[in-house]
Amino acid sequence: MDVMFTPNSTSLAVGQELRCSARGNPSPDIKLSPAALVADQSKSGSGWRSLVIEDGWVGRTLTVKCTASNSVDGTDYSPSHSVTFNVTGEMIASLHLSTSHYL
């Protein structure tokens, strides 16, 4: 079972989402730590959990650990992976303009 983060970056901006995912059968439970960092900002689904970067973290270097766990035939598996990144200022939203042609 491989544990991976997306995006794979050393710098994340406020509002960006850091997602950890893993595949397995059965689908693994995903935990992010440290708990104090992820308590209010995490979202999850089947085989993934994510963290939205907060503005209070700007200028900090953070390390987040992701642990995926499941059990197959009575054997427990819990691989983990950590990522360290710098938090930068507010994310700039891209602007998409569309033009319509009227007859």
PDB file of N, CA and C in Angstrom:
ATOM      1  N   MET A   1       0.857  -1.165   0.000  1.00  0.00           N
ATOM      2  CA  MET A   1       0.000   0.000   0.000  1.00  0.00           C
ATOM      3  C   MET A   1       0.903   1.228   0.000  1.00  0.00           C
ATOM      4  N   ASP A   2       0.811   2.030  -1.037  1.00  0.00           N
ATOM      5  CA  ASP A   2       1.602   3.251  -1.135  1.00  0.00           C
ATOM      6  C   ASP A   2       0.816   4.435  -0.580  1.00  0.00           C
ATOM      7  N   VAL A   3       1.498   5.271   0.190  1.00  0.00           N
ATOM      8  CA  VAL A   3       0.906   6.485   0.748  1.00  0.00           C
ATOM      9  C   VAL A   3       1.531   7.657   0.007  1.00  0.00           C
ATOM     10  N   MET A   4       0.699   8.558  -0.529  1.00  0.00           N
ATOM     11  CA  MET A   4       1.255   9.681  -1.271  1.00  0.00           C
ATOM     12  C   MET A   4       0.505  10.983  -1.008  1.00  0.00           C
ATOM     13  N   PHE A   5       1.240  12.092  -1.135  1.00  0.00           N
ATOM     14  CA  PHE A   5       0.677  13.425  -0.981  1.00  0.00           C
ATOM     15  C   PHE A   5       0.573  14.096  -2.342  1.00  0.00           C
ATOM     16  N   THR A   6      -0.477  14.886  -2.523  1.00  0.00           N
ATOM     17  CA  THR A   6      -0.585  15.775  -3.678  1.00  0.00           C
ATOM     18  C   THR A   6      -1.074  17.129  -3.184  1.00  0.00           C
ATOM     19  N   PRO A   7      -0.580  18.241  -3.680  1.00  0.00           N
ATOM     20  CA  PRO A   7       0.520  18.297  -4.624  1.00  0.00           C
ATOM     21  C   PRO A   7       1.840  17.926  -3.952  1.00  0.00           C
ATOM     22  N   ASN A   8       2.795  17.523  -4.752  1.00  0.00           N
ATOM     23  CA  ASN A   8       4.122  17.184  -4.263  1.00  0.00           C
ATOM     24  C   ASN A   8       4.971  18.455  -4.357  1.00  0.00           C
ATOM     25  N   SER A   9       4.883  19.291  -3.333  1.00  0.00           N
ATOM     26  CA  SER A   9       5.508  20.608  -3.394  1.00  0.00           C
ATOM     27  C   SER A   9       6.141  20.955  -2.053  1.00  0.00           C
ATOM     28  N   THR A  10       7.178  21.784  -2.090  1.00  0.00           N
ATOM     29  CA  THR A  10       7.817  22.234  -0.849  1.00  0.00           C
ATOM     30  C   THR A  10       7.255  23.574  -0.405  1.00  0.00           C
ATOM     31  N   SER A  11       6.283  24.107  -1.153  1.00  0.00           N
ATOM     32  CA  SER A  11       5.681  25.384  -0.822  1.00  0.00           C
ATOM     33  C   SER A  11       4.190  25.334  -1.140  1.00  0.00           C
ATOM     34  N   LEU A  12       3.350  25.636  -0.148  1.00  0.00           N
ATOM     35  CA  LEU A  12       1.907  25.655  -0.350  1.00  0.00           C
ATOM     36  C   LEU A  12       1.362  27.010   0.090  1.00  0.00           C
ATOM     37  N   ALA A  13       0.318  27.467  -0.583  1.00  0.00           N
ATOM     38  CA  ALA A  13      -0.272  28.772  -0.294  1.00  0.00           C
ATOM     39  C   ALA A  13      -1.573  28.620   0.489  1.00  0.00           C
ATOM     40  N   VAL A  14      -1.946  29.683   1.174  1.00  0.00           N
ATOM     41  CA  VAL A  14      -3.210  29.720   1.918  1.00  0.00           C
ATOM     42  C   VAL A  14      -4.346  29.337   0.969  1.00  0.00           C
ATOM     43  N   GLY A  15      -5.206  28.447   1.420  1.00  0.00           N
ATOM     44  CA  GLY A  15      -6.344  28.012   0.628  1.00  0.00           C
ATOM     45  C   GLY A  15      -6.094  26.764  -0.190  1.00  0.00           C
ATOM     46  N   GLN A  16      -4.825  26.419  -0.403  1.00  0.00           N
ATOM     47  CA  GLN A  16      -4.524  25.186  -1.135  1.00  0.00           C
ATOM     48  C   GLN A  16      -4.866  23.981  -0.279  1.00  0.00           C
ATOM     49  N   GLU A  17      -5.099  22.875  -0.948  1.00  0.00           N
ATOM     50  CA  GLU A  17      -5.432  21.635  -0.269  1.00  0.00           C
ATOM     51  C   GLU A  17      -4.279  20.644  -0.421  1.00  0.00           C
ATOM     52  N   LEU A  18      -3.820  20.114   0.691  1.00  0.00           N
ATOM     53  CA  LEU A  18      -2.808  19.057   0.701  1.00  0.00           C
ATOM     54  C   LEU A  18      -3.556  17.752   0.926  1.00  0.00           C
ATOM     55  N   ARG A  19      -3.452  16.827  -0.021  1.00  0.00           N
ATOM     56  CA  ARG A  19      -4.218  15.585   0.058  1.00  0.00           C
ATOM     57  C   ARG A  19      -3.293  14.386   0.191  1.00  0.00           C
ATOM     58  N   CYS A  20      -3.643  13.521   1.124  1.00  0.00           N
ATOM     59  CA  CYS A  20      -2.948  12.251   1.285  1.00  0.00           C
ATOM     60  C   CYS A  20      -3.903  11.152   0.834  1.00  0.00           C
ATOM     61  N   SER A  21      -3.366  10.203   0.062  1.00  0.00           N
ATOM     62  CA  SER A  21      -4.214   9.112  -0.399  1.00  0.00           C
ATOM     63  C   SER A  21      -3.440   7.799  -0.396  1.00  0.00           C
ATOM     64  N   ALA A  22      -4.198   6.721  -0.337  1.00  0.00           N
ATOM     65  CA  ALA A  22      -3.623   5.374  -0.384  1.00  0.00           C
ATOM     66  C   ALA A  22      -4.684   4.436  -0.931  1.00  0.00           C
ATOM     67  N   ARG A  23      -4.232   3.427  -1.648  1.00  0.00           N
ATOM     68  CA  ARG A  23      -5.144   2.415  -2.181  1.00  0.00           C
ATOM     69  C   ARG A  23      -4.902   1.109  -1.464  1.00  0.00           C
ATOM     70  N   GLY A  24      -5.977   0.399  -1.237  1.00  0.00           N
ATOM     71  CA  GLY A  24      -5.865  -0.907  -0.608  1.00  0.00           C
ATOM     72  C   GLY A  24      -7.209  -1.604  -0.636  1.00  0.00           C
ATOM     73  N   ASN A  25      -7.190  -2.899  -0.364  1.00  0.00           N
ATOM     74  CA  ASN A  25      -8.421  -3.653  -0.280  1.00  0.00           C
ATOM     75  C   ASN A  25      -8.370  -4.480   0.992  1.00  0.00           C
ATOM     76  N   PRO A  26      -9.107  -4.078   2.008  1.00  0.00           N
ATOM     77  CA  PRO A  26     -10.130  -3.027   2.019  1.00  0.00           C
ATOM     78  C   PRO A  26      -9.515  -1.624   1.986  1.00  0.00           C
ATOM     79  N   SER A  27     -10.348  -0.649   1.634  1.00  0.00           N
ATOM     80  CA  SER A  27      -9.900   0.742   1.567  1.00  0.00           C
ATOM     81  C   SER A  27      -9.337   1.161   2.924  1.00  0.00           C
ATOM     82  N   PRO A  28      -8.143   1.752   2.941  1.00  0.00           N
ATOM     83  CA  PRO A  28      -7.511   2.083   4.226  1.00  0.00           C
ATOM     84  C   PRO A  28      -8.125   3.295   4.915  1.00  0.00           C
ATOM     85  N   ASP A  29      -7.995   3.313   6.226  1.00  0.00           N
ATOM     86  CA  ASP A  29      -8.318   4.502   7.015  1.00  0.00           C
ATOM     87  C   ASP A  29      -7.103   5.410   6.933  1.00  0.00           C
ATOM     88  N   ILE A  30      -7.329   6.709   6.780  1.00  0.00           N
ATOM     89  CA  ILE A  30      -6.245   7.671   6.637  1.00  0.00           C
ATOM     90  C   ILE A  30      -6.262   8.620   7.822  1.00  0.00           C
ATOM     91  N   LYS A  31      -5.101   8.822   8.429  1.00  0.00           N
ATOM     92  CA  LYS A  31      -4.955   9.774   9.533  1.00  0.00           C
ATOM     93  C   LYS A  31      -3.832  10.739   9.206  1.00  0.00           C
ATOM     94  N   LEU A  32      -4.070  12.021   9.488  1.00  0.00           N
ATOM     95  CA  LEU A  32      -3.043  13.048   9.349  1.00  0.00           C
ATOM     96  C   LEU A  32      -2.633  13.491  10.740  1.00  0.00           C
ATOM     97  N   SER A  33      -1.377  13.814  10.909  1.00  0.00           N
ATOM     98  CA  SER A  33      -0.905  14.326  12.187  1.00  0.00           C
ATOM     99  C   SER A  33       0.161  15.389  11.939  1.00  0.00           C
ATOM    100  N   PRO A  34       0.405  16.297  12.873  1.00  0.00           N
ATOM    101  CA  PRO A  34      -0.094  16.290  14.241  1.00  0.00           C
ATOM    102  C   PRO A  34      -1.569  16.691  14.309  1.00  0.00           C
ATOM    103  N   ALA A  35      -2.289  16.112  15.266  1.00  0.00           N
ATOM    104  CA  ALA A  35      -3.726  16.324  15.406  1.00  0.00           C
ATOM    105  C   ALA A  35      -4.084  17.794  15.600  1.00  0.00           C
ATOM    106  N   ALA A  36      -3.271  18.539  16.330  1.00  0.00           N
ATOM    107  CA  ALA A  36      -3.571  19.952  16.576  1.00  0.00           C
ATOM    108  C   ALA A  36      -3.588  20.749  15.280  1.00  0.00           C
ATOM    109  N   LEU A  37      -2.790  20.356  14.329  1.00  0.00           N
ATOM    110  CA  LEU A  37      -2.715  21.063  13.056  1.00  0.00           C
ATOM    111  C   LEU A  37      -3.896  20.728  12.159  1.00  0.00           C
ATOM    112  N   VAL A  38      -4.354  19.512  12.176  1.00  0.00           N
ATOM    113  CA  VAL A  38      -5.365  19.068  11.226  1.00  0.00           C
ATOM    114  C   VAL A  38      -6.776  18.984  11.798  1.00  0.00           C
ATOM    115  N   ALA A  39      -6.955  19.258  13.071  1.00  0.00           N
ATOM    116  CA  ALA A  39      -8.244  19.040  13.738  1.00  0.00           C
ATOM    117  C   ALA A  39      -9.419  19.712  13.041  1.00  0.00           C
ATOM    118  N   ASP A  40      -9.317  20.985  12.725  1.00  0.00           N
ATOM    119  CA  ASP A  40     -10.452  21.720  12.166  1.00  0.00           C
ATOM    120  C   ASP A  40     -10.442  21.817  10.659  1.00  0.00           C
ATOM    121  N   GLN A  41      -9.347  21.502  10.040  1.00  0.00           N
ATOM    122  CA  GLN A  41      -9.201  21.769   8.618  1.00  0.00           C
ATOM    123  C   GLN A  41      -9.162  20.528   7.743  1.00  0.00           C
ATOM    124  N   SER A  42      -9.534  19.379   8.243  1.00  0.00           N
ATOM    125  CA  SER A  42      -9.386  18.200   7.406  1.00  0.00           C
ATOM    126  C   SER A  42     -10.718  17.764   6.802  1.00  0.00           C
ATOM    127  N   LYS A  43     -10.634  17.224   5.588  1.00  0.00           N
ATOM    128  CA  LYS A  43     -11.761  16.638   4.869  1.00  0.00           C
ATOM    129  C   LYS A  43     -11.338  15.219   4.513  1.00  0.00           C
ATOM    130  N   SER A  44     -12.315  14.335   4.305  1.00  0.00           N
ATOM    131  CA  SER A  44     -11.921  12.963   3.978  1.00  0.00           C
ATOM    132  C   SER A  44     -12.947  12.269   3.093  1.00  0.00           C
ATOM    133  N   GLY A  45     -12.477  11.182   2.500  1.00  0.00           N
ATOM    134  CA  GLY A  45     -13.307  10.309   1.688  1.00  0.00           C
ATOM    135  C   GLY A  45     -12.708   8.917   1.743  1.00  0.00           C
ATOM    136  N   SER A  46     -13.158   8.046   0.869  1.00  0.00           N
ATOM    137  CA  SER A  46     -12.667   6.682   0.867  1.00  0.00           C
ATOM    138  C   SER A  46     -11.215   6.636   0.385  1.00  0.00           C
ATOM    139  N   GLY A  47     -10.293   6.322   1.287  1.00  0.00           N
ATOM    140  CA  GLY A  47      -8.880   6.198   0.939  1.00  0.00           C
ATOM    141  C   GLY A  47      -8.120   7.507   0.826  1.00  0.00           C
ATOM    142  N   TRP A  48      -8.685   8.607   1.310  1.00  0.00           N
ATOM    143  CA  TRP A  48      -7.969   9.888   1.280  1.00  0.00           C
ATOM    144  C   TRP A  48      -8.413  10.793   2.434  1.00  0.00           C
ATOM    145  N   ARG A  49      -7.547  11.731   2.743  1.00  0.00           N
ATOM    146  CA  ARG A  49      -7.846  12.795   3.714  1.00  0.00           C
ATOM    147  C   ARG A  49      -7.041  14.004   3.276  1.00  0.00           C
ATOM    148  N   SER A  50      -7.622  15.188   3.435  1.00  0.00           N
ATOM    149  CA  SER A  50      -6.912  16.386   3.005  1.00  0.00           C
ATOM    150  C   SER A  50      -6.941  17.458   4.081  1.00  0.00           C
ATOM    151  N   LEU A  51      -6.071  18.413   3.896  1.00  0.00           N
ATOM    152  CA  LEU A  51      -5.890  19.527   4.824  1.00  0.00           C
ATOM    153  C   LEU A  51      -5.875  20.810   4.002  1.00  0.00           C
ATOM    154  N   VAL A  52      -6.701  21.794   4.396  1.00  0.00           N
ATOM    155  CA  VAL A  52      -6.715  23.090   3.722  1.00  0.00           C
ATOM    156  C   VAL A  52      -5.774  24.021   4.480  1.00  0.00           C
ATOM    157  N   ILE A  53      -4.863  24.655   3.753  1.00  0.00           N
ATOM    158  CA  ILE A  53      -3.846  25.508   4.360  1.00  0.00           C
ATOM    159  C   ILE A  53      -4.474  26.798   4.872  1.00  0.00           C
ATOM    160  N   GLU A  54      -4.220  27.133   6.138  1.00  0.00           N
ATOM    161  CA  GLU A  54      -4.810  28.303   6.799  1.00  0.00           C
ATOM    162  C   GLU A  54      -3.883  29.512   6.757  1.00  0.00           C
ATOM    163  N   ASP A  55      -4.490  30.702   6.811  1.00  0.00           N
ATOM    164  CA  ASP A  55      -3.690  31.928   6.763  1.00  0.00           C
ATOM    165  C   ASP A  55      -2.835  32.138   8.010  1.00  0.00           C
ATOM    166  N   GLY A  56      -3.205  31.556   9.136  1.00  0.00           N
ATOM    167  CA  GLY A  56      -2.408  31.674  10.356  1.00  0.00           C
ATOM    168  C   GLY A  56      -1.085  30.925  10.299  1.00  0.00           C
ATOM    169  N   TRP A  57      -0.895  30.137   9.245  1.00  0.00           N
ATOM    170  CA  TRP A  57       0.327  29.350   9.108  1.00  0.00           C
ATOM    171  C   TRP A  57       1.358  30.003   8.192  1.00  0.00           C
ATOM    172  N   VAL A  58       1.035  31.169   7.622  1.00  0.00           N
ATOM    173  CA  VAL A  58       1.938  31.849   6.687  1.00  0.00           C
ATOM    174  C   VAL A  58       3.293  32.086   7.349  1.00  0.00           C
ATOM    175  N   GLY A  59       4.353  31.786   6.613  1.00  0.00           N
ATOM    176  CA  GLY A  59       5.712  31.975   7.110  1.00  0.00           C
ATOM    177  C   GLY A  59       6.251  30.801   7.909  1.00  0.00           C
ATOM    178  N   ARG A  60       5.428  29.806   8.160  1.00  0.00           N
ATOM    179  CA  ARG A  60       5.879  28.645   8.935  1.00  0.00           C
ATOM    180  C   ARG A  60       6.306  27.506   8.015  1.00  0.00           C
ATOM    181  N   THR A  61       7.176  26.674   8.536  1.00  0.00           N
ATOM    182  CA  THR A  61       7.536  25.423   7.881  1.00  0.00           C
ATOM    183  C   THR A  61       6.840  24.323   8.671  1.00  0.00           C
ATOM    184  N   LEU A  62       6.013  23.537   7.995  1.00  0.00           N
ATOM    185  CA  LEU A  62       5.207  22.521   8.661  1.00  0.00           C
ATOM    186  C   LEU A  62       5.551  21.132   8.140  1.00  0.00           C
ATOM    187  N   THR A  63       5.411  20.155   9.007  1.00  0.00           N
ATOM    188  CA  THR A  63       5.557  18.757   8.618  1.00  0.00           C
ATOM    189  C   THR A  63       4.252  18.050   8.948  1.00  0.00           C
ATOM    190  N   VAL A  64       3.697  17.369   7.971  1.00  0.00           N
ATOM    191  CA  VAL A  64       2.461  16.614   8.154  1.00  0.00           C
ATOM    192  C   VAL A  64       2.766  15.150   7.856  1.00  0.00           C
ATOM    193  N   LYS A  65       2.289  14.287   8.723  1.00  0.00           N
ATOM    194  CA  LYS A  65       2.472  12.845   8.550  1.00  0.00           C
ATOM    195  C   LYS A  65       1.128  12.221   8.202  1.00  0.00           C
ATOM    196  N   CYS A  66       1.149  11.338   7.230  1.00  0.00           N
ATOM    197  CA  CYS A  66      -0.046  10.614   6.809  1.00  0.00           C
ATOM    198  C   CYS A  66       0.175   9.131   7.064  1.00  0.00           C
ATOM    199  N   THR A  67      -0.775   8.517   7.748  1.00  0.00           N
ATOM    200  CA  THR A  67      -0.709   7.079   8.014  1.00  0.00           C
ATOM    201  C   THR A  67      -1.958   6.422   7.455  1.00  0.00           C
ATOM    202  N   ALA A  68      -1.759   5.407   6.640  1.00  0.00           N
ATOM    203  CA  ALA A  68      -2.860   4.624   6.086  1.00  0.00           C
ATOM    204  C   ALA A  68      -2.865   3.279   6.802  1.00  0.00           C
ATOM    205  N   SER A  69      -4.041   2.855   7.238  1.00  0.00           N
ATOM    206  CA  SER A  69      -4.076   1.567   7.939  1.00  0.00           C
ATOM    207  C   SER A  69      -5.268   0.723   7.488  1.00  0.00           C
ATOM    208  N   ASN A  70      -5.013  -0.560   7.372  1.00  0.00           N
ATOM    209  CA  ASN A  70      -6.068  -1.541   7.133  1.00  0.00           C
ATOM    210  C   ASN A  70      -5.580  -2.904   7.621  1.00  0.00           C
ATOM    211  N   SER A  71      -6.445  -3.876   7.522  1.00  0.00           N
ATOM    212  CA  SER A  71      -6.120  -5.219   7.975  1.00  0.00           C
ATOM    213  C   SER A  71      -6.547  -6.216   6.906  1.00  0.00           C
ATOM    214  N   VAL A  72      -5.642  -7.125   6.554  1.00  0.00           N
ATOM    215  CA  VAL A  72      -5.928  -8.143   5.556  1.00  0.00           C
ATOM    216  C   VAL A  72      -5.582  -9.502   6.137  1.00  0.00           C
ATOM    217  N   ASP A  73      -6.560 -10.378   6.186  1.00  0.00           N
ATOM    218  CA  ASP A  73      -6.370 -11.737   6.708  1.00  0.00           C
ATOM    219  C   ASP A  73      -5.711 -11.738   8.085  1.00  0.00           C
ATOM    220  N   GLY A  74      -6.130 -10.808   8.943  1.00  0.00           N
ATOM    221  CA  GLY A  74      -5.611 -10.758  10.304  1.00  0.00           C
ATOM    222  C   GLY A  74      -4.272 -10.062  10.452  1.00  0.00           C
ATOM    223  N   THR A  75      -3.713  -9.576   9.359  1.00  0.00           N
ATOM    224  CA  THR A  75      -2.443  -8.855   9.420  1.00  0.00           C
ATOM    225  C   THR A  75      -2.715  -7.362   9.260  1.00  0.00           C
ATOM    226  N   ASP A  76      -2.222  -6.580  10.226  1.00  0.00           N
ATOM    227  CA  ASP A  76      -2.411  -5.130  10.189  1.00  0.00           C
ATOM    228  C   ASP A  76      -1.299  -4.460   9.404  1.00  0.00           C
ATOM    229  N   TYR A  77      -1.680  -3.498   8.566  1.00  0.00           N
ATOM    230  CA  TYR A  77      -0.734  -2.709   7.790  1.00  0.00           C
ATOM    231  C   TYR A  77      -0.946  -1.241   8.127  1.00  0.00           C
ATOM    232  N   SER A  78       0.135  -0.490   8.289  1.00  0.00           N
ATOM    233  CA  SER A  78      -0.002   0.944   8.570  1.00  0.00           C
ATOM    234  C   SER A  78       1.223   1.723   8.076  1.00  0.00           C
ATOM    235  N   PRO A  79       1.432   1.754   6.757  1.00  0.00           N
ATOM    236  CA  PRO A  79       2.534   2.554   6.225  1.00  0.00           C
ATOM    237  C   PRO A  79       2.251   4.047   6.409  1.00  0.00           C
ATOM    238  N   SER A  80       3.324   4.825   6.474  1.00  0.00           N
ATOM    239  CA  SER A  80       3.152   6.274   6.624  1.00  0.00           C
ATOM    240  C   SER A  80       4.155   7.009   5.741  1.00  0.00           C
ATOM    241  N   HIS A  81       3.864   8.271   5.550  1.00  0.00           N
ATOM    242  CA  HIS A  81       4.725   9.140   4.747  1.00  0.00           C
ATOM    243  C   HIS A  81       4.589  10.550   5.313  1.00  0.00           C
ATOM    244  N   SER A  82       5.689  11.280   5.391  1.00  0.00           N
ATOM    245  CA  SER A  82       5.667  12.656   5.886  1.00  0.00           C
ATOM    246  C   SER A  82       6.097  13.614   4.792  1.00  0.00           C
ATOM    247  N   VAL A  83       5.566  14.824   4.855  1.00  0.00           N
ATOM    248  CA  VAL A  83       5.936  15.867   3.917  1.00  0.00           C
ATOM    249  C   VAL A  83       6.183  17.153   4.708  1.00  0.00           C
ATOM    250  N   THR A  84       7.220  17.898   4.312  1.00  0.00           N
ATOM    251  CA  THR A  84       7.541  19.178   4.945  1.00  0.00           C
ATOM    252  C   THR A  84       7.419  20.257   3.880  1.00  0.00           C
ATOM    253  N   PHE A  85       6.754  21.359   4.228  1.00  0.00           N
ATOM    254  CA  PHE A  85       6.526  22.424   3.260  1.00  0.00           C
ATOM    255  C   PHE A  85       6.480  23.782   3.964  1.00  0.00           C
ATOM    256  N   ASN A  86       6.745  24.829   3.193  1.00  0.00           N
ATOM    257  CA  ASN A  86       6.640  26.204   3.670  1.00  0.00           C
ATOM    258  C   ASN A  86       5.275  26.739   3.273  1.00  0.00           C
ATOM    259  N   VAL A  87       4.682  27.552   4.152  1.00  0.00           N
ATOM    260  CA  VAL A  87       3.384  28.149   3.859  1.00  0.00           C
ATOM    261  C   VAL A  87       3.600  29.585   3.407  1.00  0.00           C
ATOM    262  N   THR A  88       3.081  29.884   2.214  1.00  0.00           N
ATOM    263  CA  THR A  88       3.211  31.221   1.642  1.00  0.00           C
ATOM    264  C   THR A  88       1.872  31.955   1.743  1.00  0.00           C
ATOM    265  N   GLY A  89       1.884  33.210   1.327  1.00  0.00           N
ATOM    266  CA  GLY A  89       0.685  34.044   1.400  1.00  0.00           C
ATOM    267  C   GLY A  89      -0.487  33.520   0.603  1.00  0.00           C
ATOM    268  N   GLU A  90      -1.490  34.347   0.491  1.00  0.00           N
ATOM    269  CA  GLU A  90      -2.751  33.954  -0.108  1.00  0.00           C
ATOM    270  C   GLU A  90      -2.618  33.436  -1.528  1.00  0.00           C
ATOM    271  N   MET A  91      -3.371  32.402  -1.813  1.00  0.00           N
ATOM    272  CA  MET A  91      -3.383  31.813  -3.135  1.00  0.00           C
ATOM    273  C   MET A  91      -4.098  32.767  -4.089  1.00  0.00           C
ATOM    274  N   ILE A  92      -3.541  32.952  -5.263  1.00  0.00           N
ATOM    275  CA  ILE A  92      -4.155  33.812  -6.257  1.00  0.00           C
ATOM    276  C   ILE A  92      -5.044  32.954  -7.135  1.00  0.00           C
ATOM    277  N   ALA A  93      -6.314  33.291  -7.126  1.00  0.00           N
ATOM    278  CA  ALA A  93      -7.263  32.539  -7.954  1.00  0.00           C
ATOM    279  C   ALA A  93      -7.068  32.911  -9.413  1.00  0.00           C
ATOM    280  N   SER A  94      -7.139  31.929 -10.262  1.00  0.00           N
ATOM    281  CA  SER A  94      -7.010  32.228 -11.685  1.00  0.00           C
ATOM    282  C   SER A  94      -8.343  32.727 -12.209  1.00  0.00           C
ATOM    283  N   LEU A  95      -8.282  33.632 -13.131  1.00  0.00           N
ATOM    284  CA  LEU A  95      -9.470  34.234 -13.701  1.00  0.00           C
ATOM    285  C   LEU A  95      -9.719  33.627 -15.068  1.00  0.00           C
ATOM    286  N   HIS A  96     -10.903  33.111 -15.246  1.00  0.00           N
ATOM    287  CA  HIS A  96     -11.277  32.528 -16.529  1.00  0.00           C
ATOM    288  C   HIS A  96     -12.320  33.418 -17.170  1.00  0.00           C
ATOM    289  N   LEU A  97     -12.010  33.934 -18.328  1.00  0.00           N
ATOM    290  CA  LEU A  97     -12.942  34.773 -19.049  1.00  0.00           C
ATOM    291  C   LEU A  97     -13.487  33.998 -20.226  1.00  0.00           C
ATOM    292  N   SER A  98     -14.754  34.145 -20.444  1.00  0.00           N
ATOM    293  CA  SER A  98     -15.322  33.513 -21.632  1.00  0.00           C
ATOM    294  C   SER A  98     -16.015  34.601 -22.439  1.00  0.00           C
ATOM    295  N   THR A  99     -15.963  34.452 -23.711  1.00  0.00           N
ATOM    296  CA  THR A  99     -16.636  35.405 -24.574  1.00  0.00           C
ATOM    297  C   THR A  99     -17.747  34.686 -25.307  1.00  0.00           C
ATOM    298  N   SER A 100     -18.845  35.351 -25.430  1.00  0.00           N
ATOM    299  CA  SER A 100     -19.975  34.796 -26.163  1.00  0.00           C
ATOM    300  C   SER A 100     -20.207  35.645 -27.391  1.00  0.00           C
ATOM    301  N   HIS A 101     -20.564  35.015 -28.443  1.00  0.00           N
ATOM    302  CA  HIS A 101     -20.863  35.720 -29.673  1.00  0.00           C
ATOM    303  C   HIS A 101     -22.361  35.685 -29.881  1.00  0.00           C
ATOM    304  N   TYR A 102     -22.931  36.823 -30.015  1.00  0.00           N
ATOM    305  CA  TYR A 102     -24.368  36.921 -30.221  1.00  0.00           C
ATOM    306  C   TYR A 102     -24.651  37.274 -31.660  1.00  0.00           C
ATOM    307  N   LEU A 103     -25.660  36.665 -32.237  1.00  0.00           N
ATOM    308  CA  LEU A 103     -26.061  36.961 -33.609  1.00  0.00           C
ATOM    309  C   LEU A 103     -27.194  37.939 -33.608  1.00  0.00           C
TER     310      LEU A 103
END
